[in-house]
Protein backbone atom coordinates (compact mmCIF):
# COMPACT_ATOMS: atom_id res chain seq x y z
CA UNK A 1 0.00 0.00 0.00
CA UNK A 2 1.32 3.40 -0.94
CA UNK A 3 2.29 5.56 1.98
CA UNK A 4 1.18 8.96 0.67
CA UNK A 5 0.69 12.09 2.71
CA UNK A 6 -3.07 11.59 2.48
CA UNK A 7 -2.71 8.05 3.78
CA UNK A 8 -0.70 9.32 6.75
CA UNK A 9 -3.30 11.99 7.50
CA UNK A 10 -6.08 9.38 7.39
CA UNK A 11 -4.12 7.10 9.71
CA UNK A 12 -3.75 9.93 12.23
CA UNK A 13 -7.43 10.91 12.00
CA UNK A 14 -8.46 7.28 12.34
CA UNK A 15 -6.31 6.82 15.43
CA UNK A 16 -7.78 9.94 17.06
CA UNK A 17 -11.34 9.00 16.21
CA UNK A 18 -10.97 5.39 17.37
CA UNK A 19 -9.97 6.69 20.80
CA UNK A 20 -13.49 8.08 21.20
CA UNK A 21 -15.23 4.86 20.15
CA UNK A 22 -16.66 2.03 22.26
CA UNK A 23 -14.55 -1.11 22.68
CA UNK A 24 -16.50 -3.10 20.08
CA UNK A 25 -15.72 -0.59 17.34
CA UNK A 26 -12.08 -0.42 18.42
CA UNK A 27 -11.89 -4.22 18.14
CA UNK A 28 -13.50 -4.14 14.70
CA UNK A 29 -11.01 -1.57 13.42
CA UNK A 30 -8.09 -3.49 14.92
CA UNK A 31 -9.26 -6.65 13.16
CA UNK A 32 -9.58 -4.90 9.80
CA UNK A 33 -6.32 -2.90 9.77
CA UNK A 34 -4.52 -5.55 7.75
CA UNK A 35 -7.18 -5.87 5.06
CA UNK A 36 -8.69 -2.37 4.77
CA UNK A 37 -7.02 0.95 4.08
CA UNK A 38 -6.95 3.63 6.74
CA UNK A 39 -9.08 5.78 4.42
CA UNK A 40 -11.78 3.11 4.23
CA UNK A 41 -11.71 2.48 7.97
CA UNK A 42 -11.83 6.21 8.68
CA UNK A 43 -15.01 6.48 6.62
CA UNK A 44 -16.52 3.48 8.42
CA UNK A 45 -15.73 4.99 11.82
CA UNK A 46 -17.13 8.38 10.81
CA UNK A 47 -20.38 6.60 9.92
CA UNK A 48 -20.34 4.74 13.25
CA UNK A 49 -19.80 8.06 15.03
CA UNK A 50 -22.82 9.62 13.33
CA UNK A 51 -24.95 6.60 14.18
CA UNK A 52 -23.88 6.54 17.83
CA UNK A 53 -24.49 10.29 18.14
CA UNK A 54 -27.95 9.73 16.67
CA UNK A 55 -28.64 7.04 19.29
CA UNK A 56 -27.85 9.57 22.02
CA UNK A 57 -29.81 12.41 20.38
CA UNK A 58 -32.89 10.19 20.01
CA UNK A 59 -32.67 9.02 23.62
CA UNK A 60 -32.12 5.42 22.56
CA UNK A 61 -28.76 5.44 24.34
CA UNK A 62 -28.75 7.18 27.72
CA UNK A 63 -24.98 7.66 27.80
CA UNK A 64 -23.49 11.11 27.45
CA UNK A 65 -20.45 10.01 25.42
CA UNK A 66 -20.43 7.61 22.49
CA UNK A 67 -17.47 5.74 23.99
CA UNK A 68 -19.74 4.69 26.85
CA UNK A 69 -22.53 3.17 24.74
CA UNK A 70 -22.62 -0.52 25.62
CA UNK A 71 -23.09 -3.21 23.02
CA UNK A 72 -26.36 -4.10 24.73
CA UNK A 73 -27.91 -0.87 23.39
CA UNK A 74 -27.27 -2.09 19.84
CA UNK A 75 -28.47 -5.59 20.67
CA UNK A 76 -31.80 -4.20 21.90
CA UNK A 77 -32.47 -1.99 18.86
CA UNK A 78 -35.78 -2.63 17.22
CA UNK A 79 -36.17 -2.44 13.45
CA UNK A 80 -38.47 0.54 13.82
CA UNK A 81 -35.70 2.48 15.64
CA UNK A 82 -32.95 1.62 13.19
PDB file of N, CA and C in Angstrom:
ATOM      1  N   UNK A   1       0.837  -1.168   0.000  1.00  0.00           N
ATOM      2  CA  UNK A   1       0.000   0.000   0.000  1.00  0.00           C
ATOM      3  C   UNK A   1       0.886   1.236   0.000  1.00  0.00           C
ATOM      4  N   UNK A   2       0.543   2.189  -0.823  1.00  0.00           N
ATOM      5  CA  UNK A   2       1.318   3.404  -0.943  1.00  0.00           C
ATOM      6  C   UNK A   2       1.174   4.246   0.317  1.00  0.00           C
ATOM      7  N   UNK A   3       2.293   4.766   0.774  1.00  0.00           N
ATOM      8  CA  UNK A   3       2.290   5.565   1.981  1.00  0.00           C
ATOM      9  C   UNK A   3       2.346   7.046   1.603  1.00  0.00           C
ATOM     10  N   UNK A   4       1.254   7.566   1.090  1.00  0.00           N
ATOM     11  CA  UNK A   4       1.176   8.955   0.669  1.00  0.00           C
ATOM     12  C   UNK A   4       0.891   9.847   1.868  1.00  0.00           C
ATOM     13  N   UNK A   5       1.001  11.123   1.646  1.00  0.00           N
ATOM     14  CA  UNK A   5       0.686  12.092   2.711  1.00  0.00           C
ATOM     15  C   UNK A   5      -0.776  11.943   3.137  1.00  0.00           C
ATOM     16  N   UNK A   6      -1.656  11.762   2.165  1.00  0.00           N
ATOM     17  CA  UNK A   6      -3.072  11.590   2.478  1.00  0.00           C
ATOM     18  C   UNK A   6      -3.297  10.347   3.335  1.00  0.00           C
ATOM     19  N   UNK A   7      -2.607   9.284   3.003  1.00  0.00           N
ATOM     20  CA  UNK A   7      -2.710   8.046   3.782  1.00  0.00           C
ATOM     21  C   UNK A   7      -2.271   8.288   5.223  1.00  0.00           C
ATOM     22  N   UNK A   8      -1.194   9.011   5.400  1.00  0.00           N
ATOM     23  CA  UNK A   8      -0.696   9.319   6.745  1.00  0.00           C
ATOM     24  C   UNK A   8      -1.696  10.168   7.527  1.00  0.00           C
ATOM     25  N   UNK A   9      -2.299  11.145   6.856  1.00  0.00           N
ATOM     26  CA  UNK A   9      -3.299  11.994   7.504  1.00  0.00           C
ATOM     27  C   UNK A   9      -4.507  11.156   7.920  1.00  0.00           C
ATOM     28  N   UNK A  10      -4.940  10.252   7.060  1.00  0.00           N
ATOM     29  CA  UNK A  10      -6.085   9.385   7.385  1.00  0.00           C
ATOM     30  C   UNK A  10      -5.748   8.447   8.538  1.00  0.00           C
ATOM     31  N   UNK A  11      -4.537   7.949   8.584  1.00  0.00           N
ATOM     32  CA  UNK A  11      -4.118   7.101   9.709  1.00  0.00           C
ATOM     33  C   UNK A  11      -4.197   7.870  11.021  1.00  0.00           C
ATOM     34  N   UNK A  12      -3.727   9.107  11.013  1.00  0.00           N
ATOM     35  CA  UNK A  12      -3.753   9.927  12.225  1.00  0.00           C
ATOM     36  C   UNK A  12      -5.185  10.242  12.648  1.00  0.00           C
ATOM     37  N   UNK A  13      -6.027  10.615  11.691  1.00  0.00           N
ATOM     38  CA  UNK A  13      -7.429  10.910  11.998  1.00  0.00           C
ATOM     39  C   UNK A  13      -8.145   9.669  12.519  1.00  0.00           C
ATOM     40  N   UNK A  14      -7.859   8.532  11.902  1.00  0.00           N
ATOM     41  CA  UNK A  14      -8.464   7.280  12.336  1.00  0.00           C
ATOM     42  C   UNK A  14      -8.067   6.972  13.773  1.00  0.00           C
ATOM     43  N   UNK A  15      -6.795   7.101  14.073  1.00  0.00           N
ATOM     44  CA  UNK A  15      -6.307   6.816  15.432  1.00  0.00           C
ATOM     45  C   UNK A  15      -6.996   7.721  16.457  1.00  0.00           C
ATOM     46  N   UNK A  16      -7.117   8.996  16.151  1.00  0.00           N
ATOM     47  CA  UNK A  16      -7.775   9.937  17.063  1.00  0.00           C
ATOM     48  C   UNK A  16      -9.241   9.589  17.250  1.00  0.00           C
ATOM     49  N   UNK A  17      -9.912   9.289  16.161  1.00  0.00           N
ATOM     50  CA  UNK A  17     -11.341   8.995  16.214  1.00  0.00           C
ATOM     51  C   UNK A  17     -11.618   7.678  16.942  1.00  0.00           C
ATOM     52  N   UNK A  18     -10.787   6.690  16.721  1.00  0.00           N
ATOM     53  CA  UNK A  18     -10.973   5.392  17.367  1.00  0.00           C
ATOM     54  C   UNK A  18     -10.886   5.531  18.890  1.00  0.00           C
ATOM     55  N   UNK A  19     -10.098   6.481  19.355  1.00  0.00           N
ATOM     56  CA  UNK A  19      -9.973   6.694  20.800  1.00  0.00           C
ATOM     57  C   UNK A  19     -11.277   7.139  21.449  1.00  0.00           C
ATOM     58  N   UNK A  20     -12.206   7.644  20.656  1.00  0.00           N
ATOM     59  CA  UNK A  20     -13.487   8.083  21.204  1.00  0.00           C
ATOM     60  C   UNK A  20     -14.597   7.053  20.996  1.00  0.00           C
ATOM     61  N   UNK A  21     -14.246   5.888  20.472  1.00  0.00           N
ATOM     62  CA  UNK A  21     -15.229   4.855  20.149  1.00  0.00           C
ATOM     63  C   UNK A  21     -15.347   3.808  21.256  1.00  0.00           C
ATOM     64  N   UNK A  22     -16.498   3.142  21.320  1.00  0.00           N
ATOM     65  CA  UNK A  22     -16.663   2.029  22.257  1.00  0.00           C
ATOM     66  C   UNK A  22     -15.724   0.865  21.892  1.00  0.00           C
ATOM     67  N   UNK A  23     -15.500  -0.010  22.849  1.00  0.00           N
ATOM     68  CA  UNK A  23     -14.549  -1.110  22.675  1.00  0.00           C
ATOM     69  C   UNK A  23     -14.863  -1.980  21.464  1.00  0.00           C
ATOM     70  N   UNK A  24     -16.133  -2.204  21.175  1.00  0.00           N
ATOM     71  CA  UNK A  24     -16.498  -3.103  20.076  1.00  0.00           C
ATOM     72  C   UNK A  24     -16.141  -2.515  18.712  1.00  0.00           C
ATOM     73  N   UNK A  25     -16.151  -1.217  18.589  1.00  0.00           N
ATOM     74  CA  UNK A  25     -15.721  -0.594  17.336  1.00  0.00           C
ATOM     75  C   UNK A  25     -14.201  -0.581  17.253  1.00  0.00           C
ATOM     76  N   UNK A  26     -13.544  -0.363  18.375  1.00  0.00           N
ATOM     77  CA  UNK A  26     -12.075  -0.422  18.417  1.00  0.00           C
ATOM     78  C   UNK A  26     -11.610  -1.814  17.993  1.00  0.00           C
ATOM     79  N   UNK A  27     -12.250  -2.845  18.508  1.00  0.00           N
ATOM     80  CA  UNK A  27     -11.888  -4.222  18.143  1.00  0.00           C
ATOM     81  C   UNK A  27     -12.115  -4.470  16.656  1.00  0.00           C
ATOM     82  N   UNK A  28     -13.210  -3.975  16.125  1.00  0.00           N
ATOM     83  CA  UNK A  28     -13.497  -4.142  14.700  1.00  0.00           C
ATOM     84  C   UNK A  28     -12.396  -3.505  13.859  1.00  0.00           C
ATOM     85  N   UNK A  29     -12.046  -2.278  14.177  1.00  0.00           N
ATOM     86  CA  UNK A  29     -11.006  -1.567  13.421  1.00  0.00           C
ATOM     87  C   UNK A  29      -9.680  -2.314  13.530  1.00  0.00           C
ATOM     88  N   UNK A  30      -9.332  -2.739  14.730  1.00  0.00           N
ATOM     89  CA  UNK A  30      -8.086  -3.492  14.919  1.00  0.00           C
ATOM     90  C   UNK A  30      -8.058  -4.749  14.056  1.00  0.00           C
ATOM     91  N   UNK A  31      -9.187  -5.419  13.948  1.00  0.00           N
ATOM     92  CA  UNK A  31      -9.258  -6.650  13.164  1.00  0.00           C
ATOM     93  C   UNK A  31      -9.192  -6.404  11.662  1.00  0.00           C
ATOM     94  N   UNK A  32      -9.541  -5.205  11.230  1.00  0.00           N
ATOM     95  CA  UNK A  32      -9.583  -4.895   9.801  1.00  0.00           C
ATOM     96  C   UNK A  32      -8.364  -4.121   9.297  1.00  0.00           C
ATOM     97  N   UNK A  33      -7.466  -3.718  10.172  1.00  0.00           N
ATOM     98  CA  UNK A  33      -6.322  -2.895   9.765  1.00  0.00           C
ATOM     99  C   UNK A  33      -5.463  -3.547   8.689  1.00  0.00           C
ATOM    100  N   UNK A  34      -5.363  -4.854   8.719  1.00  0.00           N
ATOM    101  CA  UNK A  34      -4.522  -5.554   7.746  1.00  0.00           C
ATOM    102  C   UNK A  34      -5.176  -5.702   6.376  1.00  0.00           C
ATOM    103  N   UNK A  35      -6.499  -5.607   6.330  1.00  0.00           N
ATOM    104  CA  UNK A  35      -7.184  -5.875   5.060  1.00  0.00           C
ATOM    105  C   UNK A  35      -7.940  -4.673   4.496  1.00  0.00           C
ATOM    106  N   UNK A  36      -8.011  -3.591   5.235  1.00  0.00           N
ATOM    107  CA  UNK A  36      -8.687  -2.373   4.771  1.00  0.00           C
ATOM    108  C   UNK A  36      -7.730  -1.193   4.908  1.00  0.00           C
ATOM    109  N   UNK A  37      -7.866  -0.237   4.003  1.00  0.00           N
ATOM    110  CA  UNK A  37      -7.016   0.948   4.075  1.00  0.00           C
ATOM    111  C   UNK A  37      -7.477   1.847   5.213  1.00  0.00           C
ATOM    112  N   UNK A  38      -6.588   2.696   5.681  1.00  0.00           N
ATOM    113  CA  UNK A  38      -6.950   3.631   6.741  1.00  0.00           C
ATOM    114  C   UNK A  38      -8.041   4.584   6.257  1.00  0.00           C
ATOM    115  N   UNK A  39      -8.046   4.908   4.975  1.00  0.00           N
ATOM    116  CA  UNK A  39      -9.082   5.781   4.420  1.00  0.00           C
ATOM    117  C   UNK A  39     -10.457   5.119   4.512  1.00  0.00           C
ATOM    118  N   UNK A  40     -10.525   3.862   4.155  1.00  0.00           N
ATOM    119  CA  UNK A  40     -11.778   3.111   4.226  1.00  0.00           C
ATOM    120  C   UNK A  40     -12.248   3.009   5.670  1.00  0.00           C
ATOM    121  N   UNK A  41     -11.351   2.628   6.556  1.00  0.00           N
ATOM    122  CA  UNK A  41     -11.713   2.485   7.967  1.00  0.00           C
ATOM    123  C   UNK A  41     -12.123   3.821   8.575  1.00  0.00           C
ATOM    124  N   UNK A  42     -11.457   4.889   8.189  1.00  0.00           N
ATOM    125  CA  UNK A  42     -11.825   6.212   8.680  1.00  0.00           C
ATOM    126  C   UNK A  42     -13.264   6.520   8.289  1.00  0.00           C
ATOM    127  N   UNK A  43     -13.634   6.239   7.053  1.00  0.00           N
ATOM    128  CA  UNK A  43     -15.008   6.481   6.619  1.00  0.00           C
ATOM    129  C   UNK A  43     -16.006   5.611   7.373  1.00  0.00           C
ATOM    130  N   UNK A  44     -15.649   4.356   7.628  1.00  0.00           N
ATOM    131  CA  UNK A  44     -16.518   3.483   8.425  1.00  0.00           C
ATOM    132  C   UNK A  44     -16.728   4.091   9.809  1.00  0.00           C
ATOM    133  N   UNK A  45     -15.643   4.485  10.442  1.00  0.00           N
ATOM    134  CA  UNK A  45     -15.726   4.986  11.816  1.00  0.00           C
ATOM    135  C   UNK A  45     -16.484   6.319  11.868  1.00  0.00           C
ATOM    136  N   UNK A  46     -16.342   7.139  10.858  1.00  0.00           N
ATOM    137  CA  UNK A  46     -17.130   8.380  10.807  1.00  0.00           C
ATOM    138  C   UNK A  46     -18.623   8.058  10.739  1.00  0.00           C
ATOM    139  N   UNK A  47     -18.979   7.034   9.983  1.00  0.00           N
ATOM    140  CA  UNK A  47     -20.381   6.603   9.918  1.00  0.00           C
ATOM    141  C   UNK A  47     -20.843   6.060  11.269  1.00  0.00           C
ATOM    142  N   UNK A  48     -19.997   5.256  11.920  1.00  0.00           N
ATOM    143  CA  UNK A  48     -20.344   4.740  13.254  1.00  0.00           C
ATOM    144  C   UNK A  48     -20.556   5.887  14.225  1.00  0.00           C
ATOM    145  N   UNK A  49     -19.701   6.894  14.140  1.00  0.00           N
ATOM    146  CA  UNK A  49     -19.799   8.057  15.026  1.00  0.00           C
ATOM    147  C   UNK A  49     -21.145   8.750  14.839  1.00  0.00           C
ATOM    148  N   UNK A  50     -21.525   8.993  13.604  1.00  0.00           N
ATOM    149  CA  UNK A  50     -22.820   9.624  13.326  1.00  0.00           C
ATOM    150  C   UNK A  50     -23.978   8.789  13.882  1.00  0.00           C
ATOM    151  N   UNK A  51     -23.901   7.488  13.690  1.00  0.00           N
ATOM    152  CA  UNK A  51     -24.948   6.600  14.175  1.00  0.00           C
ATOM    153  C   UNK A  51     -25.030   6.620  15.698  1.00  0.00           C
ATOM    154  N   UNK A  52     -23.889   6.540  16.366  1.00  0.00           N
ATOM    155  CA  UNK A  52     -23.882   6.540  17.826  1.00  0.00           C
ATOM    156  C   UNK A  52     -24.358   7.880  18.375  1.00  0.00           C
ATOM    157  N   UNK A  53     -23.999   8.971  17.723  1.00  0.00           N
ATOM    158  CA  UNK A  53     -24.487  10.287  18.139  1.00  0.00           C
ATOM    159  C   UNK A  53     -26.009  10.374  17.964  1.00  0.00           C
ATOM    160  N   UNK A  54     -26.514   9.769  16.898  1.00  0.00           N
ATOM    161  CA  UNK A  54     -27.949   9.731  16.673  1.00  0.00           C
ATOM    162  C   UNK A  54     -28.650   8.952  17.786  1.00  0.00           C
ATOM    163  N   UNK A  55     -28.056   7.829  18.204  1.00  0.00           N
ATOM    164  CA  UNK A  55     -28.638   7.043  19.294  1.00  0.00           C
ATOM    165  C   UNK A  55     -28.791   7.885  20.553  1.00  0.00           C
ATOM    166  N   UNK A  56     -27.793   8.703  20.835  1.00  0.00           N
ATOM    167  CA  UNK A  56     -27.849   9.573  22.017  1.00  0.00           C
ATOM    168  C   UNK A  56     -28.888  10.668  21.816  1.00  0.00           C
ATOM    169  N   UNK A  57     -28.877  11.306  20.663  1.00  0.00           N
ATOM    170  CA  UNK A  57     -29.807  12.406  20.377  1.00  0.00           C
ATOM    171  C   UNK A  57     -31.264  11.956  20.440  1.00  0.00           C
ATOM    172  N   UNK A  58     -31.521  10.733  20.013  1.00  0.00           N
ATOM    173  CA  UNK A  58     -32.888  10.194  20.013  1.00  0.00           C
ATOM    174  C   UNK A  58     -33.294   9.607  21.358  1.00  0.00           C
ATOM    175  N   UNK A  59     -32.370   9.570  22.303  1.00  0.00           N
ATOM    176  CA  UNK A  59     -32.675   9.016  23.620  1.00  0.00           C
ATOM    177  C   UNK A  59     -32.676   7.506  23.654  1.00  0.00           C
ATOM    178  N   UNK A  60     -32.191   6.889  22.609  1.00  0.00           N
ATOM    179  CA  UNK A  60     -32.117   5.424  22.560  1.00  0.00           C
ATOM    180  C   UNK A  60     -30.975   4.944  23.455  1.00  0.00           C
ATOM    181  N   UNK A  61     -29.887   5.694  23.438  1.00  0.00           N
ATOM    182  CA  UNK A  61     -28.763   5.444  24.344  1.00  0.00           C
ATOM    183  C   UNK A  61     -28.760   6.556  25.380  1.00  0.00           C
ATOM    184  N   UNK A  62     -28.688   6.196  26.643  1.00  0.00           N
ATOM    185  CA  UNK A  62     -28.748   7.177  27.721  1.00  0.00           C
ATOM    186  C   UNK A  62     -27.374   7.743  28.084  1.00  0.00           C
ATOM    187  N   UNK A  63     -26.331   7.228  27.479  1.00  0.00           N
ATOM    188  CA  UNK A  63     -24.983   7.662  27.802  1.00  0.00           C
ATOM    189  C   UNK A  63     -24.738   9.069  27.249  1.00  0.00           C
ATOM    190  N   UNK A  64     -23.834   9.766  27.887  1.00  0.00           N
ATOM    191  CA  UNK A  64     -23.485  11.114  27.450  1.00  0.00           C
ATOM    192  C   UNK A  64     -22.437  11.088  26.345  1.00  0.00           C
ATOM    193  N   UNK A  65     -21.549  10.106  26.392  1.00  0.00           N
ATOM    194  CA  UNK A  65     -20.454  10.008  25.423  1.00  0.00           C
ATOM    195  C   UNK A  65     -20.597   8.718  24.624  1.00  0.00           C
ATOM    196  N   UNK A  66     -20.269   8.795  23.331  1.00  0.00           N
ATOM    197  CA  UNK A  66     -20.430   7.610  22.490  1.00  0.00           C
ATOM    198  C   UNK A  66     -19.532   6.466  22.940  1.00  0.00           C
ATOM    199  N   UNK A  67     -18.395   6.782  23.528  1.00  0.00           N
ATOM    200  CA  UNK A  67     -17.473   5.740  23.991  1.00  0.00           C
ATOM    201  C   UNK A  67     -18.128   4.847  25.052  1.00  0.00           C
ATOM    202  N   UNK A  68     -19.108   5.399  25.743  1.00  0.00           N
ATOM    203  CA  UNK A  68     -19.741   4.685  26.854  1.00  0.00           C
ATOM    204  C   UNK A  68     -20.973   3.875  26.447  1.00  0.00           C
ATOM    205  N   UNK A  69     -21.345   3.912  25.177  1.00  0.00           N
ATOM    206  CA  UNK A  69     -22.534   3.168  24.743  1.00  0.00           C
ATOM    207  C   UNK A  69     -22.209   1.672  24.732  1.00  0.00           C
ATOM    208  N   UNK A  70     -22.895   0.913  25.569  1.00  0.00           N
ATOM    209  CA  UNK A  70     -22.615  -0.519  25.618  1.00  0.00           C
ATOM    210  C   UNK A  70     -23.188  -1.251  24.407  1.00  0.00           C
ATOM    211  N   UNK A  71     -22.619  -2.377  24.123  1.00  0.00           N
ATOM    212  CA  UNK A  71     -23.086  -3.208  23.021  1.00  0.00           C
ATOM    213  C   UNK A  71     -24.550  -3.606  23.213  1.00  0.00           C
ATOM    214  N   UNK A  72     -24.975  -3.712  24.454  1.00  0.00           N
ATOM    215  CA  UNK A  72     -26.359  -4.101  24.733  1.00  0.00           C
ATOM    216  C   UNK A  72     -27.371  -3.112  24.144  1.00  0.00           C
ATOM    217  N   UNK A  73     -27.011  -1.845  24.009  1.00  0.00           N
ATOM    218  CA  UNK A  73     -27.913  -0.870  23.386  1.00  0.00           C
ATOM    219  C   UNK A  73     -28.166  -1.263  21.933  1.00  0.00           C
ATOM    220  N   UNK A  74     -27.118  -1.679  21.236  1.00  0.00           N
ATOM    221  CA  UNK A  74     -27.274  -2.095  19.844  1.00  0.00           C
ATOM    222  C   UNK A  74     -28.040  -3.409  19.743  1.00  0.00           C
ATOM    223  N   UNK A  75     -27.792  -4.291  20.688  1.00  0.00           N
ATOM    224  CA  UNK A  75     -28.472  -5.587  20.669  1.00  0.00           C
ATOM    225  C   UNK A  75     -29.973  -5.436  20.875  1.00  0.00           C
ATOM    226  N   UNK A  76     -30.387  -4.401  21.585  1.00  0.00           N
ATOM    227  CA  UNK A  76     -31.798  -4.202  21.900  1.00  0.00           C
ATOM    228  C   UNK A  76     -32.536  -3.330  20.889  1.00  0.00           C
ATOM    229  N   UNK A  77     -31.826  -2.842  19.870  1.00  0.00           N
ATOM    230  CA  UNK A  77     -32.466  -1.993  18.864  1.00  0.00           C
ATOM    231  C   UNK A  77     -33.583  -2.754  18.163  1.00  0.00           C
ATOM    232  N   UNK A  78     -34.671  -2.058  17.970  1.00  0.00           N
ATOM    233  CA  UNK A  78     -35.782  -2.628  17.219  1.00  0.00           C
ATOM    234  C   UNK A  78     -35.697  -2.102  15.805  1.00  0.00           C
ATOM    235  N   UNK A  79     -36.210  -2.826  14.848  1.00  0.00           N
ATOM    236  CA  UNK A  79     -36.168  -2.442  13.452  1.00  0.00           C
ATOM    237  C   UNK A  79     -36.780  -1.057  13.243  1.00  0.00           C
ATOM    238  N   UNK A  80     -37.801  -0.755  13.978  1.00  0.00           N
ATOM    239  CA  UNK A  80     -38.474   0.539  13.818  1.00  0.00           C
ATOM    240  C   UNK A  80     -37.560   1.687  14.252  1.00  0.00           C
ATOM    241  N   UNK A  81     -36.623   1.453  15.180  1.00  0.00           N
ATOM    242  CA  UNK A  81     -35.695   2.476  15.639  1.00  0.00           C
ATOM    243  C   UNK A  81     -34.534   2.655  14.673  1.00  0.00           C
ATOM    244  N   UNK A  82     -34.089   1.571  14.086  1.00  0.00           N
ATOM    245  CA  UNK A  82     -32.949   1.622  13.189  1.00  0.00           C
ATOM    246  C   UNK A  82     -33.417   2.040  11.839  1.00  0.00           C
TER     247      UNK A  82
END
